[in-house]
Amino acid sequence: MERKVVNTKIGQIAVFQKQVDFYKTPIIFLHGVYFDHHLWENQITAISDRPVFALDMPLHGESKVNIKEKWNLDDCAEMLLEILDSLKIDKVIAIGHSWGSMTILRAAHKNPTKFAGVGLGNMPYKEATKTQKIIIRLQQSGLMFKNFYIKQAGIALMGKESRNKNHELMQKLITPMIKLSKKEIKYTNKAVRIDARDATEMINKMKVPVIAFVGKDDYVGTPPVKETTIVNGGHVSPIEVPEEVNIIIGKLTTLAD
C-alpha cells in the first residue's frame, strides 16, 4: 500500500492507501489498542472494487511523530475527519476495531454527512467501572516485565479456541505491541480505556447505516445496534475470524453504496 503522512491537530498520522481502477465509495479501516493497520490485512486484500485506506492510530505503528502530549477520544474523532478532508473524501464507509470503532462512532456522530456507512467491530461502549479502572492500572504494573504483559494481553484479547488452534495469532499481537514503549501503552490505556465515557446515547442517535460485530467471548458485550452479528472468538475478530468479518463488511458496503 502507498504510504502518506497527514498532519492533524493530534500529530502526524500515517495513512496507507490501496488504489483500484474502480471507484465505488471508499473504505477506511481503523485498528484498536496495541495494533496497527496490519490488523486489517485480510480484509484489505479481499476488497478490489473500491479505494481502501487504513491508518495507524496515534502512538501506534508509524504514527509517532509530533503526537501531542495529551489527547482523548474526541481528538481522535476530529483527527479522522481531518484525514478525510485531507484525502478529499466526501463520503466514506468506515470500519473500526475497538478503539477504531470508538473513534468512528464519535466522528460520525459529530459529522454524519461524511459517512455512507459505519462498521463497529468489538467496540467497548460502556464506561469502565471503578473496579475495571483499578484492574487496568494494576495490570500496567506488569509492564516492568513487558513480555509478560504482552502475553497476558494476548490471552485476554483472544478467544480460547483461537489461541489453541492458531498459535500464529499471538504473533500478530506481539509484533505491533513490542514496538510500543511502556509510556505509550500507559497513555493509550488511559485515553481509550480508562477515560472513555458511555457511548450508548451516541449509538442510539446515529444518523447513518450502522452494522456491528462482536466476538462471542468478547469482554465488551453486545452493543445496542440492531444489526449486530455475533462471530466466533474473542476481542480481535478481524484476525480471529477474518472470513466472517469479510462477509459483514460485504453487507455494509451493499447497504452503503
Protein backbone atom coordinates (compact mmCIF):
# COMPACT_ATOMS: atom_id res chain seq x y z
CA MET A 1 0.00 0.00 0.00
CA GLU A 2 1.11 3.54 -0.69
CA ARG A 3 2.02 5.43 2.49
CA LYS A 4 1.46 9.09 3.14
CA VAL A 5 1.56 11.27 6.23
CA VAL A 6 -1.34 13.55 7.14
CA ASN A 7 -0.80 16.44 9.52
CA THR A 8 -3.60 16.68 12.07
CA LYS A 9 -4.11 18.57 15.31
CA ILE A 10 -3.25 15.38 17.20
CA GLY A 11 0.02 14.91 15.26
CA GLN A 12 1.40 13.29 12.09
CA ILE A 13 -0.71 10.26 11.17
CA ALA A 14 0.46 7.56 8.76
CA VAL A 15 -2.22 6.67 6.21
CA PHE A 16 -1.93 3.71 3.83
CA GLN A 17 -3.80 3.65 0.54
CA LYS A 18 -4.73 0.85 -1.87
CA GLN A 19 -5.86 2.26 -5.20
CA VAL A 20 -8.02 0.32 -7.66
CA ASP A 21 -9.42 1.03 -11.12
CA PHE A 22 -13.00 1.11 -9.83
CA TYR A 23 -14.42 3.96 -7.82
CA LYS A 24 -17.16 2.94 -5.52
CA THR A 25 -17.47 4.54 -2.09
CA PRO A 26 -14.03 4.20 -0.45
CA ILE A 27 -13.45 2.30 2.79
CA ILE A 28 -11.24 3.35 5.67
CA PHE A 29 -10.09 0.97 8.42
CA LEU A 30 -9.10 1.94 11.97
CA HIS A 31 -7.43 -0.54 14.32
CA GLY A 32 -7.62 -0.98 18.08
CA VAL A 33 -5.24 -0.55 21.00
CA TYR A 34 -1.82 -2.26 20.67
CA PHE A 35 -2.25 -2.95 16.91
CA ASP A 36 -1.50 -1.08 13.70
CA HIS A 37 -3.02 -1.05 10.19
CA HIS A 38 -1.74 -4.60 9.55
CA LEU A 39 -4.63 -5.86 11.69
CA TRP A 40 -6.80 -5.42 8.59
CA GLU A 41 -4.54 -7.13 6.02
CA ASN A 42 -7.02 -9.91 5.24
CA GLN A 43 -9.90 -7.51 4.77
CA ILE A 44 -7.86 -5.08 2.67
CA THR A 45 -6.69 -7.90 0.40
CA ALA A 46 -10.26 -9.09 -0.10
CA ILE A 47 -11.51 -5.70 -1.36
CA SER A 48 -10.93 -4.98 -5.05
CA ASP A 49 -13.88 -2.83 -6.12
CA ARG A 50 -13.10 0.46 -4.36
CA PRO A 51 -10.23 2.50 -2.90
CA VAL A 52 -9.12 1.32 0.54
CA PHE A 53 -7.43 3.34 3.27
CA ALA A 54 -6.05 2.28 6.63
CA LEU A 55 -4.29 4.35 9.23
CA ASP A 56 -2.01 3.87 12.19
CA MET A 57 -3.64 5.38 15.26
CA PRO A 58 -1.72 7.88 17.45
CA LEU A 59 1.46 6.45 19.06
CA HIS A 60 0.95 3.18 17.15
CA GLY A 61 2.70 1.81 14.07
CA GLU A 62 4.21 4.68 12.10
CA SER A 63 2.14 7.43 13.75
CA LYS A 64 4.63 8.52 16.40
CA VAL A 65 5.84 11.90 15.15
CA ASN A 66 4.74 15.12 16.85
CA ILE A 67 1.87 13.40 18.68
CA LYS A 68 0.64 15.92 21.23
CA GLU A 69 1.23 15.12 24.87
CA LYS A 70 -2.42 14.96 25.87
CA TRP A 71 -5.28 13.72 23.68
CA ASN A 72 -8.58 11.88 24.05
CA LEU A 73 -11.22 10.07 22.02
CA ASP A 74 -12.82 13.32 20.87
CA ASP A 75 -9.43 14.37 19.49
CA CYS A 76 -9.22 11.05 17.67
CA ALA A 77 -12.63 11.69 16.10
CA GLU A 78 -11.52 15.13 14.94
CA MET A 79 -8.32 13.53 13.60
CA LEU A 80 -10.35 11.14 11.43
CA LEU A 81 -12.42 13.99 10.00
CA GLU A 82 -9.23 15.95 9.25
CA ILE A 83 -7.79 12.92 7.44
CA LEU A 84 -10.92 12.53 5.30
CA ASP A 85 -10.73 16.20 4.34
CA SER A 86 -7.02 15.93 3.55
CA LEU A 87 -7.65 12.91 1.32
CA LYS A 88 -10.54 14.78 -0.35
CA ILE A 89 -13.00 12.05 0.57
CA ASP A 90 -16.52 13.44 0.60
CA LYS A 91 -18.15 10.25 1.88
CA VAL A 92 -16.64 7.05 3.25
CA ILE A 93 -17.51 3.65 4.66
CA ALA A 94 -15.64 3.43 7.97
CA ILE A 95 -14.81 0.13 9.65
CA GLY A 96 -13.28 0.03 13.10
CA HIS A 97 -11.92 -2.40 15.62
CA SER A 98 -12.28 -1.49 19.32
CA TRP A 99 -10.56 1.92 19.68
CA GLY A 100 -11.03 2.44 15.95
CA SER A 101 -14.78 1.86 16.35
CA MET A 102 -14.92 4.24 19.30
CA THR A 103 -13.26 6.89 17.13
CA ILE A 104 -15.53 6.31 14.13
CA LEU A 105 -18.67 6.44 16.27
CA ARG A 106 -17.71 9.84 17.65
CA ALA A 107 -16.70 11.20 14.24
CA ALA A 108 -19.94 10.01 12.61
CA HIS A 109 -21.96 11.47 15.47
CA LYS A 110 -20.20 14.80 15.00
CA ASN A 111 -20.40 14.90 11.19
CA PRO A 112 -22.75 12.23 9.79
CA THR A 113 -22.65 13.64 6.25
CA LYS A 114 -19.11 12.26 5.81
CA PHE A 115 -20.17 8.63 6.36
CA ALA A 116 -22.07 6.37 3.96
CA GLY A 117 -21.95 3.54 6.47
CA VAL A 118 -20.24 2.56 9.70
CA GLY A 119 -18.98 -0.81 10.91
CA LEU A 120 -18.37 -1.03 14.65
CA GLY A 121 -16.26 -4.06 15.49
CA ASN A 122 -15.54 -5.26 19.04
CA MET A 123 -16.38 -1.83 20.40
CA PRO A 124 -16.28 -1.01 24.13
CA TYR A 125 -19.28 1.28 24.56
CA LYS A 126 -19.84 1.29 28.31
CA GLU A 127 -17.79 3.42 30.67
CA ALA A 128 -15.36 1.31 32.66
CA THR A 129 -16.43 0.77 36.25
CA LYS A 130 -14.25 1.90 39.14
CA THR A 131 -13.20 -1.72 39.66
CA GLN A 132 -12.30 -2.15 35.99
CA LYS A 133 -10.21 1.03 36.07
CA ILE A 134 -8.34 -0.23 39.12
CA ILE A 135 -7.71 -3.57 37.38
CA ILE A 136 -6.31 -1.82 34.28
CA ARG A 137 -3.90 0.18 36.44
CA LEU A 138 -2.87 -2.93 38.36
CA GLN A 139 -2.27 -4.80 35.10
CA GLN A 140 0.00 -1.98 33.97
CA SER A 141 2.28 -2.69 36.89
CA GLY A 142 3.27 -5.77 34.90
CA LEU A 143 4.89 -3.53 32.29
CA MET A 144 8.17 -3.78 34.21
CA PHE A 145 8.10 -7.27 32.67
CA LYS A 146 6.94 -6.19 29.23
CA ASN A 147 7.00 -9.62 27.56
CA PHE A 148 4.82 -10.99 30.34
CA TYR A 149 2.39 -8.06 29.94
CA ILE A 150 2.16 -8.68 26.19
CA LYS A 151 1.47 -12.37 26.68
CA GLN A 152 -1.24 -11.67 29.22
CA ALA A 153 -2.79 -9.09 26.89
CA GLY A 154 -2.90 -11.69 24.12
CA ILE A 155 -4.61 -14.19 26.40
CA ALA A 156 -7.20 -11.60 27.40
CA LEU A 157 -7.92 -10.38 23.86
CA MET A 158 -8.23 -13.70 22.05
CA GLY A 159 -10.84 -16.39 22.47
CA LYS A 160 -9.63 -19.65 23.98
CA GLU A 161 -10.37 -21.62 20.82
CA SER A 162 -8.39 -19.14 18.72
CA ARG A 163 -5.36 -19.39 20.99
CA ASN A 164 -5.44 -23.18 20.99
CA LYS A 165 -5.97 -23.69 17.27
CA ASN A 166 -3.89 -20.92 15.74
CA HIS A 167 -0.67 -20.08 17.55
CA GLU A 168 0.28 -17.57 14.84
CA LEU A 169 -2.40 -15.19 16.11
CA MET A 170 -0.37 -14.39 19.20
CA GLN A 171 2.50 -13.25 16.99
CA LYS A 172 0.14 -10.84 15.21
CA LEU A 173 -0.40 -9.16 18.55
CA ILE A 174 3.20 -9.30 19.74
CA THR A 175 4.67 -7.80 16.54
CA PRO A 176 2.98 -4.36 16.78
CA MET A 177 2.83 -4.26 20.57
CA ILE A 178 6.55 -4.82 21.07
CA LYS A 179 7.09 -1.53 19.19
CA LEU A 180 5.14 0.39 21.83
CA SER A 181 7.01 1.93 24.73
CA LYS A 182 5.72 1.49 28.27
CA LYS A 183 4.76 5.16 28.28
CA GLU A 184 2.81 4.81 25.04
CA ILE A 185 0.93 1.78 26.35
CA LYS A 186 0.03 3.54 29.60
CA TYR A 187 -1.18 6.71 27.94
CA THR A 188 -3.26 4.87 25.35
CA ASN A 189 -4.84 2.77 28.09
CA LYS A 190 -5.74 5.97 29.92
CA ALA A 191 -7.14 7.86 26.93
CA VAL A 192 -9.05 4.97 25.38
CA ARG A 193 -9.94 2.58 28.19
CA ILE A 194 -9.94 4.48 31.48
CA ASP A 195 -11.23 7.91 30.40
CA ALA A 196 -13.81 6.76 27.82
CA ARG A 197 -17.40 7.78 28.61
CA ASP A 198 -20.52 5.73 27.94
CA ALA A 199 -21.43 5.85 24.24
CA THR A 200 -24.92 4.34 24.33
CA GLU A 201 -26.65 7.65 23.60
CA MET A 202 -24.40 8.31 20.61
CA ILE A 203 -25.21 4.86 19.21
CA ASN A 204 -28.94 5.44 19.62
CA LYS A 205 -28.72 8.80 17.83
CA MET A 206 -26.68 7.63 14.84
CA LYS A 207 -27.95 9.02 11.53
CA VAL A 208 -26.00 6.74 9.19
CA PRO A 209 -26.32 3.00 8.42
CA VAL A 210 -24.59 1.02 11.18
CA ILE A 211 -23.58 -2.63 11.40
CA ALA A 212 -21.79 -4.06 14.43
CA PHE A 213 -19.97 -7.29 15.15
CA VAL A 214 -18.61 -8.73 18.36
CA GLY A 215 -16.89 -11.96 19.37
CA LYS A 216 -18.96 -14.41 21.37
CA ASP A 217 -16.20 -14.45 24.01
CA ASP A 218 -15.53 -10.69 23.76
CA TYR A 219 -15.31 -8.81 27.04
CA VAL A 220 -17.08 -5.70 25.66
CA GLY A 221 -20.56 -7.23 25.45
CA THR A 222 -23.15 -6.81 22.71
CA PRO A 223 -23.72 -3.17 21.68
CA PRO A 224 -27.23 -1.71 21.30
CA VAL A 225 -27.05 -1.85 17.50
CA LYS A 226 -29.97 -3.54 15.72
CA GLU A 227 -27.76 -5.07 13.04
CA THR A 228 -25.22 -6.81 15.29
CA THR A 229 -23.58 -10.10 14.34
CA ILE A 230 -22.06 -12.39 16.95
CA VAL A 231 -18.96 -14.04 15.49
CA ASN A 232 -16.66 -16.71 16.85
CA GLY A 233 -13.66 -15.81 19.00
CA GLY A 234 -12.85 -13.03 21.41
CA HIS A 235 -11.94 -9.36 21.04
CA VAL A 236 -9.83 -9.42 17.87
CA SER A 237 -12.33 -10.62 15.28
CA PRO A 238 -10.50 -9.23 12.19
CA ILE A 239 -7.67 -11.74 12.73
CA GLU A 240 -9.53 -14.48 14.60
CA VAL A 241 -12.36 -14.93 12.08
CA PRO A 242 -11.39 -12.86 9.02
CA GLU A 243 -13.84 -14.53 6.65
CA GLU A 244 -16.77 -13.89 8.98
CA VAL A 245 -15.74 -10.24 9.21
CA ASN A 246 -15.36 -10.02 5.42
CA ILE A 247 -18.96 -11.16 4.99
CA ILE A 248 -20.17 -8.48 7.39
CA ILE A 249 -18.17 -5.82 5.53
CA GLY A 250 -19.75 -7.01 2.28
CA LYS A 251 -23.21 -6.48 3.78
CA LEU A 252 -22.27 -2.99 4.91
CA THR A 253 -20.90 -1.95 1.52
CA THR A 254 -24.08 -3.19 -0.17
CA LEU A 255 -26.13 -1.17 2.31
CA ALA A 256 -23.99 1.95 1.98
CA ASP A 257 -23.40 2.12 -1.81
